[in-house]
Amino acid sequence: MAENRKEYNLDAKWDACLDLSLRRFVYSSLTGAFTGLLLFRSPVTRWASVAFGAGVGLGSAYTDCSRLFDSPAESLGASFVSDVPVSQDAQE
């Protein structure tokens, strides 16, 4: 009965997700800061550029982490793909 049970290594997944999130947050924030320094003069718009970069980094990390943990997109209503062929009459 123990052979039928699936075992998951959640610690490795959490480590990978944390590493990915931290790296993307830092790299995207630095990219936003550099872009803000190049393009904007006002401190408010520079900080907005940093915040935008951080949001992009965290968003992409969230997407990849949700794929890593195999969270189904169907629960969010994002996917309406069916396994049934479009027309079974065409196959006959």
PDB file of N, CA and C in Angstrom:
ATOM      1  N   MET A   1       0.813  -1.183   0.000  1.00  0.00           N
ATOM      2  CA  MET A   1       0.000   0.000   0.000  1.00  0.00           C
ATOM      3  C   MET A   1       0.864   1.257   0.000  1.00  0.00           C
ATOM      4  N   ALA A   2       2.052   1.149   0.542  1.00  0.00           N
ATOM      5  CA  ALA A   2       2.945   2.294   0.563  1.00  0.00           C
ATOM      6  C   ALA A   2       3.478   2.611  -0.825  1.00  0.00           C
ATOM      7  N   GLU A   3       3.515   1.588  -1.719  1.00  0.00           N
ATOM      8  CA  GLU A   3       4.012   1.821  -3.066  1.00  0.00           C
ATOM      9  C   GLU A   3       3.034   2.641  -3.908  1.00  0.00           C
ATOM     10  N   ASN A   4       1.739   2.565  -3.609  1.00  0.00           N
ATOM     11  CA  ASN A   4       0.723   3.287  -4.376  1.00  0.00           C
ATOM     12  C   ASN A   4       0.676   4.773  -4.050  1.00  0.00           C
ATOM     13  N   ARG A   5       1.217   5.145  -2.917  1.00  0.00           N
ATOM     14  CA  ARG A   5       1.164   6.533  -2.480  1.00  0.00           C
ATOM     15  C   ARG A   5       2.249   7.347  -3.169  1.00  0.00           C
ATOM     16  N   LYS A   6       1.870   8.493  -3.723  1.00  0.00           N
ATOM     17  CA  LYS A   6       2.850   9.382  -4.357  1.00  0.00           C
ATOM     18  C   LYS A   6       3.536  10.212  -3.283  1.00  0.00           C
ATOM     19  N   GLU A   7       4.835  10.358  -3.433  1.00  0.00           N
ATOM     20  CA  GLU A   7       5.579  11.174  -2.485  1.00  0.00           C
ATOM     21  C   GLU A   7       6.137  12.385  -3.220  1.00  0.00           C
ATOM     22  N   TYR A   8       5.969  13.525  -2.625  1.00  0.00           N
ATOM     23  CA  TYR A   8       6.413  14.771  -3.227  1.00  0.00           C
ATOM     24  C   TYR A   8       7.498  15.394  -2.372  1.00  0.00           C
ATOM     25  N   ASN A   9       8.461  15.982  -3.029  1.00  0.00           N
ATOM     26  CA  ASN A   9       9.517  16.691  -2.327  1.00  0.00           C
ATOM     27  C   ASN A   9       9.173  18.175  -2.333  1.00  0.00           C
ATOM     28  N   LEU A  10       8.384  18.600  -1.368  1.00  0.00           N
ATOM     29  CA  LEU A  10       7.944  19.987  -1.315  1.00  0.00           C
ATOM     30  C   LEU A  10       9.057  20.930  -0.897  1.00  0.00           C
ATOM     31  N   ASP A  11       9.997  20.438  -0.135  1.00  0.00           N
ATOM     32  CA  ASP A  11      11.081  21.322   0.289  1.00  0.00           C
ATOM     33  C   ASP A  11      11.889  21.823  -0.905  1.00  0.00           C
ATOM     34  N   ALA A  12      12.175  20.966  -1.854  1.00  0.00           N
ATOM     35  CA  ALA A  12      12.932  21.381  -3.033  1.00  0.00           C
ATOM     36  C   ALA A  12      12.124  22.360  -3.874  1.00  0.00           C
ATOM     37  N   LYS A  13      10.819  22.138  -3.965  1.00  0.00           N
ATOM     38  CA  LYS A  13       9.976  23.055  -4.738  1.00  0.00           C
ATOM     39  C   LYS A  13       9.914  24.429  -4.079  1.00  0.00           C
ATOM     40  N   TRP A  14       9.776  24.456  -2.764  1.00  0.00           N
ATOM     41  CA  TRP A  14       9.736  25.747  -2.062  1.00  0.00           C
ATOM     42  C   TRP A  14      11.070  26.470  -2.186  1.00  0.00           C
ATOM     43  N   ASP A  15      12.165  25.738  -2.085  1.00  0.00           N
ATOM     44  CA  ASP A  15      13.486  26.353  -2.239  1.00  0.00           C
ATOM     45  C   ASP A  15      13.658  26.946  -3.630  1.00  0.00           C
ATOM     46  N   ALA A  16      13.249  26.185  -4.634  1.00  0.00           N
ATOM     47  CA  ALA A  16      13.368  26.670  -6.006  1.00  0.00           C
ATOM     48  C   ALA A  16      12.480  27.891  -6.234  1.00  0.00           C
ATOM     49  N   CYS A  17      11.288  27.871  -5.672  1.00  0.00           N
ATOM     50  CA  CYS A  17      10.362  28.990  -5.836  1.00  0.00           C
ATOM     51  C   CYS A  17      10.874  30.244  -5.123  1.00  0.00           C
ATOM     52  N   LEU A  18      11.398  30.067  -3.932  1.00  0.00           N
ATOM     53  CA  LEU A  18      11.942  31.208  -3.194  1.00  0.00           C
ATOM     54  C   LEU A  18      13.150  31.796  -3.907  1.00  0.00           C
ATOM     55  N   ASP A  19      14.021  30.943  -4.407  1.00  0.00           N
ATOM     56  CA  ASP A  19      15.197  31.399  -5.134  1.00  0.00           C
ATOM     57  C   ASP A  19      14.801  32.149  -6.404  1.00  0.00           C
ATOM     58  N   LEU A  20      13.860  31.588  -7.144  1.00  0.00           N
ATOM     59  CA  LEU A  20      13.385  32.219  -8.373  1.00  0.00           C
ATOM     60  C   LEU A  20      12.726  33.569  -8.081  1.00  0.00           C
ATOM     61  N   SER A  21      11.895  33.617  -7.049  1.00  0.00           N
ATOM     62  CA  SER A  21      11.202  34.861  -6.713  1.00  0.00           C
ATOM     63  C   SER A  21      12.175  35.953  -6.279  1.00  0.00           C
ATOM     64  N   LEU A  22      13.121  35.593  -5.451  1.00  0.00           N
ATOM     65  CA  LEU A  22      14.084  36.581  -4.962  1.00  0.00           C
ATOM     66  C   LEU A  22      14.960  37.112  -6.089  1.00  0.00           C
ATOM     67  N   ARG A  23      15.444  36.213  -6.953  1.00  0.00           N
ATOM     68  CA  ARG A  23      16.280  36.654  -8.066  1.00  0.00           C
ATOM     69  C   ARG A  23      15.518  37.556  -9.026  1.00  0.00           C
ATOM     70  N   ARG A  24      14.292  37.156  -9.392  1.00  0.00           N
ATOM     71  CA  ARG A  24      13.529  37.972 -10.340  1.00  0.00           C
ATOM     72  C   ARG A  24      13.130  39.305  -9.741  1.00  0.00           C
ATOM     73  N   PHE A  25      12.824  39.330  -8.449  1.00  0.00           N
ATOM     74  CA  PHE A  25      12.489  40.590  -7.790  1.00  0.00           C
ATOM     75  C   PHE A  25      13.677  41.545  -7.812  1.00  0.00           C
ATOM     76  N   VAL A  26      14.852  41.056  -7.457  1.00  0.00           N
ATOM     77  CA  VAL A  26      16.048  41.903  -7.396  1.00  0.00           C
ATOM     78  C   VAL A  26      16.459  42.368  -8.788  1.00  0.00           C
ATOM     79  N   TYR A  27      16.525  41.441  -9.750  1.00  0.00           N
ATOM     80  CA  TYR A  27      16.957  41.818 -11.098  1.00  0.00           C
ATOM     81  C   TYR A  27      15.980  42.784 -11.753  1.00  0.00           C
ATOM     82  N   SER A  28      14.690  42.558 -11.579  1.00  0.00           N
ATOM     83  CA  SER A  28      13.707  43.452 -12.183  1.00  0.00           C
ATOM     84  C   SER A  28      13.698  44.812 -11.499  1.00  0.00           C
ATOM     85  N   SER A  29      13.900  44.840 -10.189  1.00  0.00           N
ATOM     86  CA  SER A  29      13.977  46.123  -9.484  1.00  0.00           C
ATOM     87  C   SER A  29      15.202  46.916  -9.927  1.00  0.00           C
ATOM     88  N   LEU A  30      16.326  46.245 -10.087  1.00  0.00           N
ATOM     89  CA  LEU A  30      17.531  46.933 -10.561  1.00  0.00           C
ATOM     90  C   LEU A  30      17.366  47.430 -11.992  1.00  0.00           C
ATOM     91  N   THR A  31      16.700  46.647 -12.822  1.00  0.00           N
ATOM     92  CA  THR A  31      16.426  47.084 -14.193  1.00  0.00           C
ATOM     93  C   THR A  31      15.506  48.297 -14.193  1.00  0.00           C
ATOM     94  N   GLY A  32      14.503  48.281 -13.323  1.00  0.00           N
ATOM     95  CA  GLY A  32      13.603  49.429 -13.203  1.00  0.00           C
ATOM     96  C   GLY A  32      14.329  50.660 -12.689  1.00  0.00           C
ATOM     97  N   ALA A  33      15.248  50.480 -11.746  1.00  0.00           N
ATOM     98  CA  ALA A  33      16.012  51.614 -11.224  1.00  0.00           C
ATOM     99  C   ALA A  33      16.924  52.203 -12.291  1.00  0.00           C
ATOM    100  N   PHE A  34      17.584  51.351 -13.042  1.00  0.00           N
ATOM    101  CA  PHE A  34      18.462  51.822 -14.112  1.00  0.00           C
ATOM    102  C   PHE A  34      17.668  52.546 -15.195  1.00  0.00           C
ATOM    103  N   THR A  35      16.523  51.974 -15.563  1.00  0.00           N
ATOM    104  CA  THR A  35      15.663  52.618 -16.557  1.00  0.00           C
ATOM    105  C   THR A  35      15.132  53.945 -16.047  1.00  0.00           C
ATOM    106  N   GLY A  36      14.772  53.987 -14.773  1.00  0.00           N
ATOM    107  CA  GLY A  36      14.290  55.232 -14.180  1.00  0.00           C
ATOM    108  C   GLY A  36      15.356  56.314 -14.162  1.00  0.00           C
ATOM    109  N   LEU A  37      16.593  55.914 -13.893  1.00  0.00           N
ATOM    110  CA  LEU A  37      17.679  56.888 -13.909  1.00  0.00           C
ATOM    111  C   LEU A  37      17.946  57.424 -15.312  1.00  0.00           C
ATOM    112  N   LEU A  38      17.789  56.573 -16.300  1.00  0.00           N
ATOM    113  CA  LEU A  38      18.037  57.002 -17.676  1.00  0.00           C
ATOM    114  C   LEU A  38      16.919  57.865 -18.249  1.00  0.00           C
ATOM    115  N   LEU A  39      15.682  57.531 -17.926  1.00  0.00           N
ATOM    116  CA  LEU A  39      14.557  58.155 -18.615  1.00  0.00           C
ATOM    117  C   LEU A  39      13.849  59.268 -17.850  1.00  0.00           C
ATOM    118  N   PHE A  40      13.873  59.228 -16.526  1.00  0.00           N
ATOM    119  CA  PHE A  40      13.050  60.151 -15.746  1.00  0.00           C
ATOM    120  C   PHE A  40      13.893  61.067 -14.879  1.00  0.00           C
ATOM    121  N   ARG A  41      13.360  62.272 -14.634  1.00  0.00           N
ATOM    122  CA  ARG A  41      14.049  63.227 -13.771  1.00  0.00           C
ATOM    123  C   ARG A  41      13.457  63.281 -12.377  1.00  0.00           C
ATOM    124  N   SER A  42      12.166  63.128 -12.293  1.00  0.00           N
ATOM    125  CA  SER A  42      11.487  63.242 -11.007  1.00  0.00           C
ATOM    126  C   SER A  42      11.719  61.992 -10.151  1.00  0.00           C
ATOM    127  N   PRO A  43      11.962  62.181  -8.857  1.00  0.00           N
ATOM    128  CA  PRO A  43      12.136  61.011  -7.985  1.00  0.00           C
ATOM    129  C   PRO A  43      10.884  60.128  -7.914  1.00  0.00           C
ATOM    130  N   VAL A  44       9.726  60.743  -8.055  1.00  0.00           N
ATOM    131  CA  VAL A  44       8.485  59.967  -7.987  1.00  0.00           C
ATOM    132  C   VAL A  44       8.397  59.005  -9.171  1.00  0.00           C
ATOM    133  N   THR A  45       8.702  59.476 -10.355  1.00  0.00           N
ATOM    134  CA  THR A  45       8.639  58.600 -11.527  1.00  0.00           C
ATOM    135  C   THR A  45       9.758  57.560 -11.507  1.00  0.00           C
ATOM    136  N   ARG A  46      10.891  57.896 -10.913  1.00  0.00           N
ATOM    137  CA  ARG A  46      11.957  56.906 -10.783  1.00  0.00           C
ATOM    138  C   ARG A  46      11.527  55.777  -9.847  1.00  0.00           C
ATOM    139  N   TRP A  47      10.899  56.144  -8.735  1.00  0.00           N
ATOM    140  CA  TRP A  47      10.418  55.107  -7.816  1.00  0.00           C
ATOM    141  C   TRP A  47       9.278  54.305  -8.436  1.00  0.00           C
ATOM    142  N   ALA A  48       8.476  54.961  -9.260  1.00  0.00           N
ATOM    143  CA  ALA A  48       7.416  54.236  -9.965  1.00  0.00           C
ATOM    144  C   ALA A  48       8.012  53.220 -10.936  1.00  0.00           C
ATOM    145  N   SER A  49       9.108  53.585 -11.566  1.00  0.00           N
ATOM    146  CA  SER A  49       9.786  52.657 -12.468  1.00  0.00           C
ATOM    147  C   SER A  49      10.351  51.465 -11.703  1.00  0.00           C
ATOM    148  N   VAL A  50      10.896  51.706 -10.524  1.00  0.00           N
ATOM    149  CA  VAL A  50      11.404  50.617  -9.682  1.00  0.00           C
ATOM    150  C   VAL A  50      10.252  49.712  -9.251  1.00  0.00           C
ATOM    151  N   ALA A  51       9.138  50.315  -8.846  1.00  0.00           N
ATOM    152  CA  ALA A  51       7.982  49.537  -8.413  1.00  0.00           C
ATOM    153  C   ALA A  51       7.398  48.715  -9.559  1.00  0.00           C
ATOM    154  N   PHE A  52       7.360  49.297 -10.747  1.00  0.00           N
ATOM    155  CA  PHE A  52       6.872  48.561 -11.912  1.00  0.00           C
ATOM    156  C   PHE A  52       7.769  47.366 -12.212  1.00  0.00           C
ATOM    157  N   GLY A  53       9.077  47.572 -12.161  1.00  0.00           N
ATOM    158  CA  GLY A  53      10.016  46.473 -12.398  1.00  0.00           C
ATOM    159  C   GLY A  53       9.872  45.370 -11.357  1.00  0.00           C
ATOM    160  N   ALA A  54       9.702  45.761 -10.096  1.00  0.00           N
ATOM    161  CA  ALA A  54       9.520  44.767  -9.040  1.00  0.00           C
ATOM    162  C   ALA A  54       8.227  43.987  -9.247  1.00  0.00           C
ATOM    163  N   GLY A  55       7.181  44.667  -9.679  1.00  0.00           N
ATOM    164  CA  GLY A  55       5.918  43.990  -9.936  1.00  0.00           C
ATOM    165  C   GLY A  55       6.002  43.012 -11.091  1.00  0.00           C
ATOM    166  N   VAL A  56       6.711  43.399 -12.134  1.00  0.00           N
ATOM    167  CA  VAL A  56       6.906  42.489 -13.268  1.00  0.00           C
ATOM    168  C   VAL A  56       7.699  41.256 -12.833  1.00  0.00           C
ATOM    169  N   GLY A  57       8.735  41.464 -12.039  1.00  0.00           N
ATOM    170  CA  GLY A  57       9.538  40.338 -11.557  1.00  0.00           C
ATOM    171  C   GLY A  57       8.752  39.396 -10.668  1.00  0.00           C
ATOM    172  N   LEU A  58       7.979  39.953  -9.747  1.00  0.00           N
ATOM    173  CA  LEU A  58       7.183  39.106  -8.869  1.00  0.00           C
ATOM    174  C   LEU A  58       6.062  38.399  -9.628  1.00  0.00           C
ATOM    175  N   GLY A  59       5.495  39.077 -10.605  1.00  0.00           N
ATOM    176  CA  GLY A  59       4.441  38.448 -11.401  1.00  0.00           C
ATOM    177  C   GLY A  59       4.953  37.275 -12.218  1.00  0.00           C
ATOM    178  N   SER A  60       6.106  37.435 -12.825  1.00  0.00           N
ATOM    179  CA  SER A  60       6.656  36.326 -13.607  1.00  0.00           C
ATOM    180  C   SER A  60       7.107  35.187 -12.693  1.00  0.00           C
ATOM    181  N   ALA A  61       7.618  35.519 -11.515  1.00  0.00           N
ATOM    182  CA  ALA A  61       8.004  34.474 -10.563  1.00  0.00           C
ATOM    183  C   ALA A  61       6.770  33.723 -10.062  1.00  0.00           C
ATOM    184  N   TYR A  62       5.679  34.434  -9.830  1.00  0.00           N
ATOM    185  CA  TYR A  62       4.442  33.787  -9.394  1.00  0.00           C
ATOM    186  C   TYR A  62       3.933  32.824 -10.455  1.00  0.00           C
ATOM    187  N   THR A  63       4.002  33.234 -11.713  1.00  0.00           N
ATOM    188  CA  THR A  63       3.550  32.372 -12.807  1.00  0.00           C
ATOM    189  C   THR A  63       4.375  31.103 -12.876  1.00  0.00           C
ATOM    190  N   ASP A  64       5.688  31.227 -12.788  1.00  0.00           N
ATOM    191  CA  ASP A  64       6.535  30.044 -12.865  1.00  0.00           C
ATOM    192  C   ASP A  64       6.410  29.168 -11.626  1.00  0.00           C
ATOM    193  N   CYS A  65       6.216  29.773 -10.459  1.00  0.00           N
ATOM    194  CA  CYS A  65       6.036  28.977  -9.248  1.00  0.00           C
ATOM    195  C   CYS A  65       4.711  28.228  -9.273  1.00  0.00           C
ATOM    196  N   SER A  66       3.682  28.834  -9.819  1.00  0.00           N
ATOM    197  CA  SER A  66       2.412  28.120  -9.899  1.00  0.00           C
ATOM    198  C   SER A  66       2.514  26.949 -10.874  1.00  0.00           C
ATOM    199  N   ARG A  67       3.309  27.088 -11.938  1.00  0.00           N
ATOM    200  CA  ARG A  67       3.564  25.956 -12.829  1.00  0.00           C
ATOM    201  C   ARG A  67       4.388  24.891 -12.126  1.00  0.00           C
ATOM    202  N   LEU A  68       5.322  25.316 -11.289  1.00  0.00           N
ATOM    203  CA  LEU A  68       6.168  24.381 -10.569  1.00  0.00           C
ATOM    204  C   LEU A  68       5.353  23.527  -9.609  1.00  0.00           C
ATOM    205  N   PHE A  69       4.396  24.124  -8.953  1.00  0.00           N
ATOM    206  CA  PHE A  69       3.562  23.396  -8.009  1.00  0.00           C
ATOM    207  C   PHE A  69       2.360  22.741  -8.680  1.00  0.00           C
ATOM    208  N   ASP A  70       2.272  22.842 -10.008  1.00  0.00           N
ATOM    209  CA  ASP A  70       1.172  22.256 -10.777  1.00  0.00           C
ATOM    210  C   ASP A  70      -0.198  22.697 -10.274  1.00  0.00           C
ATOM    211  N   SER A  71      -0.324  23.995  -9.989  1.00  0.00           N
ATOM    212  CA  SER A  71      -1.645  24.479  -9.609  1.00  0.00           C
ATOM    213  C   SER A  71      -2.472  24.583 -10.873  1.00  0.00           C
ATOM    214  N   PRO A  72      -3.639  23.968 -10.891  1.00  0.00           N
ATOM    215  CA  PRO A  72      -4.425  23.962 -12.126  1.00  0.00           C
ATOM    216  C   PRO A  72      -4.994  25.328 -12.446  1.00  0.00           C
ATOM    217  N   ALA A  73      -4.889  25.711 -13.708  1.00  0.00           N
ATOM    218  CA  ALA A  73      -5.428  26.992 -14.151  1.00  0.00           C
ATOM    219  C   ALA A  73      -6.939  26.933 -14.287  1.00  0.00           C
ATOM    220  N   GLU A  74      -7.517  25.716 -14.352  1.00  0.00           N
ATOM    221  CA  GLU A  74      -8.959  25.585 -14.509  1.00  0.00           C
ATOM    222  C   GLU A  74      -9.704  26.136 -13.305  1.00  0.00           C
ATOM    223  N   SER A  75      -9.083  26.082 -12.116  1.00  0.00           N
ATOM    224  CA  SER A  75      -9.776  26.574 -10.930  1.00  0.00           C
ATOM    225  C   SER A  75      -9.966  28.090 -10.982  1.00  0.00           C
ATOM    226  N   LEU A  76      -9.146  28.771 -11.757  1.00  0.00           N
ATOM    227  CA  LEU A  76      -9.286  30.218 -11.901  1.00  0.00           C
ATOM    228  C   LEU A  76     -10.168  30.597 -13.077  1.00  0.00           C
ATOM    229  N   GLY A  77     -10.590  29.622 -13.851  1.00  0.00           N
ATOM    230  CA  GLY A  77     -11.419  29.891 -15.010  1.00  0.00           C
ATOM    231  C   GLY A  77     -10.628  30.404 -16.196  1.00  0.00           C
ATOM    232  N   ALA A  78      -9.330  30.182 -16.201  1.00  0.00           N
ATOM    233  CA  ALA A  78      -8.488  30.721 -17.259  1.00  0.00           C
ATOM    234  C   ALA A  78      -8.403  29.791 -18.463  1.00  0.00           C
ATOM    235  N   SER A  79      -8.730  28.539 -18.279  1.00  0.00           N
ATOM    236  CA  SER A  79      -8.575  27.596 -19.374  1.00  0.00           C
ATOM    237  C   SER A  79      -9.887  26.870 -19.622  1.00  0.00           C
ATOM    238  N   PHE A  80     -10.316  26.887 -20.868  1.00  0.00           N
ATOM    239  CA  PHE A  80     -11.544  26.213 -21.238  1.00  0.00           C
ATOM    240  C   PHE A  80     -11.274  25.149 -22.289  1.00  0.00           C
ATOM    241  N   VAL A  81     -10.124  24.526 -22.237  1.00  0.00           N
ATOM    242  CA  VAL A  81      -9.730  23.528 -23.219  1.00  0.00           C
ATOM    243  C   VAL A  81     -10.314  22.187 -22.793  1.00  0.00           C
ATOM    244  N   SER A  82     -10.926  21.505 -23.739  1.00  0.00           N
ATOM    245  CA  SER A  82     -11.533  20.214 -23.476  1.00  0.00           C
ATOM    246  C   SER A  82     -10.709  19.119 -24.143  1.00  0.00           C
ATOM    247  N   ASP A  83     -10.747  17.915 -23.570  1.00  0.00           N
ATOM    248  CA  ASP A  83     -10.061  16.776 -24.159  1.00  0.00           C
ATOM    249  C   ASP A  83     -10.893  16.115 -25.254  1.00  0.00           C
ATOM    250  N   VAL A  84     -12.152  16.459 -25.351  1.00  0.00           N
ATOM    251  CA  VAL A  84     -13.049  15.865 -26.334  1.00  0.00           C
ATOM    252  C   VAL A  84     -12.811  16.525 -27.686  1.00  0.00           C
ATOM    253  N   PRO A  85     -12.716  15.738 -28.768  1.00  0.00           N
ATOM    254  CA  PRO A  85     -12.535  16.336 -30.096  1.00  0.00           C
ATOM    255  C   PRO A  85     -13.708  17.231 -30.456  1.00  0.00           C
ATOM    256  N   VAL A  86     -13.479  18.184 -31.332  1.00  0.00           N
ATOM    257  CA  VAL A  86     -14.502  19.141 -31.713  1.00  0.00           C
ATOM    258  C   VAL A  86     -15.674  18.447 -32.389  1.00  0.00           C
ATOM    259  N   SER A  87     -15.376  17.570 -33.315  1.00  0.00           N
ATOM    260  CA  SER A  87     -16.441  16.882 -34.031  1.00  0.00           C
ATOM    261  C   SER A  87     -16.116  15.405 -34.120  1.00  0.00           C
ATOM    262  N   GLN A  88     -16.909  14.596 -33.459  1.00  0.00           N
ATOM    263  CA  GLN A  88     -16.694  13.161 -33.524  1.00  0.00           C
ATOM    264  C   GLN A  88     -17.310  12.590 -34.800  1.00  0.00           C
ATOM    265  N   ASP A  89     -18.255  13.303 -35.425  1.00  0.00           N
ATOM    266  CA  ASP A  89     -18.861  12.847 -36.681  1.00  0.00           C
ATOM    267  C   ASP A  89     -17.842  12.839 -37.813  1.00  0.00           C
ATOM    268  N   ALA A  90     -16.879  13.742 -37.769  1.00  0.00           N
ATOM    269  CA  ALA A  90     -15.880  13.825 -38.830  1.00  0.00           C
ATOM    270  C   ALA A  90     -14.933  12.623 -38.792  1.00  0.00           C
ATOM    271  N   GLN A  91     -14.787  11.988 -37.635  1.00  0.00           N
ATOM    272  CA  GLN A  91     -13.892  10.848 -37.513  1.00  0.00           C
ATOM    273  C   GLN A  91     -14.533   9.570 -38.028  1.00  0.00           C
ATOM    274  N   GLU A  92     -15.832   9.497 -38.114  1.00  0.00           N
ATOM    275  CA  GLU A  92     -16.518   8.263 -38.535  1.00  0.00           C
ATOM    276  C   GLU A  92     -16.573   8.110 -40.009  1.00  0.00           C
TER     277      GLU A  92
END
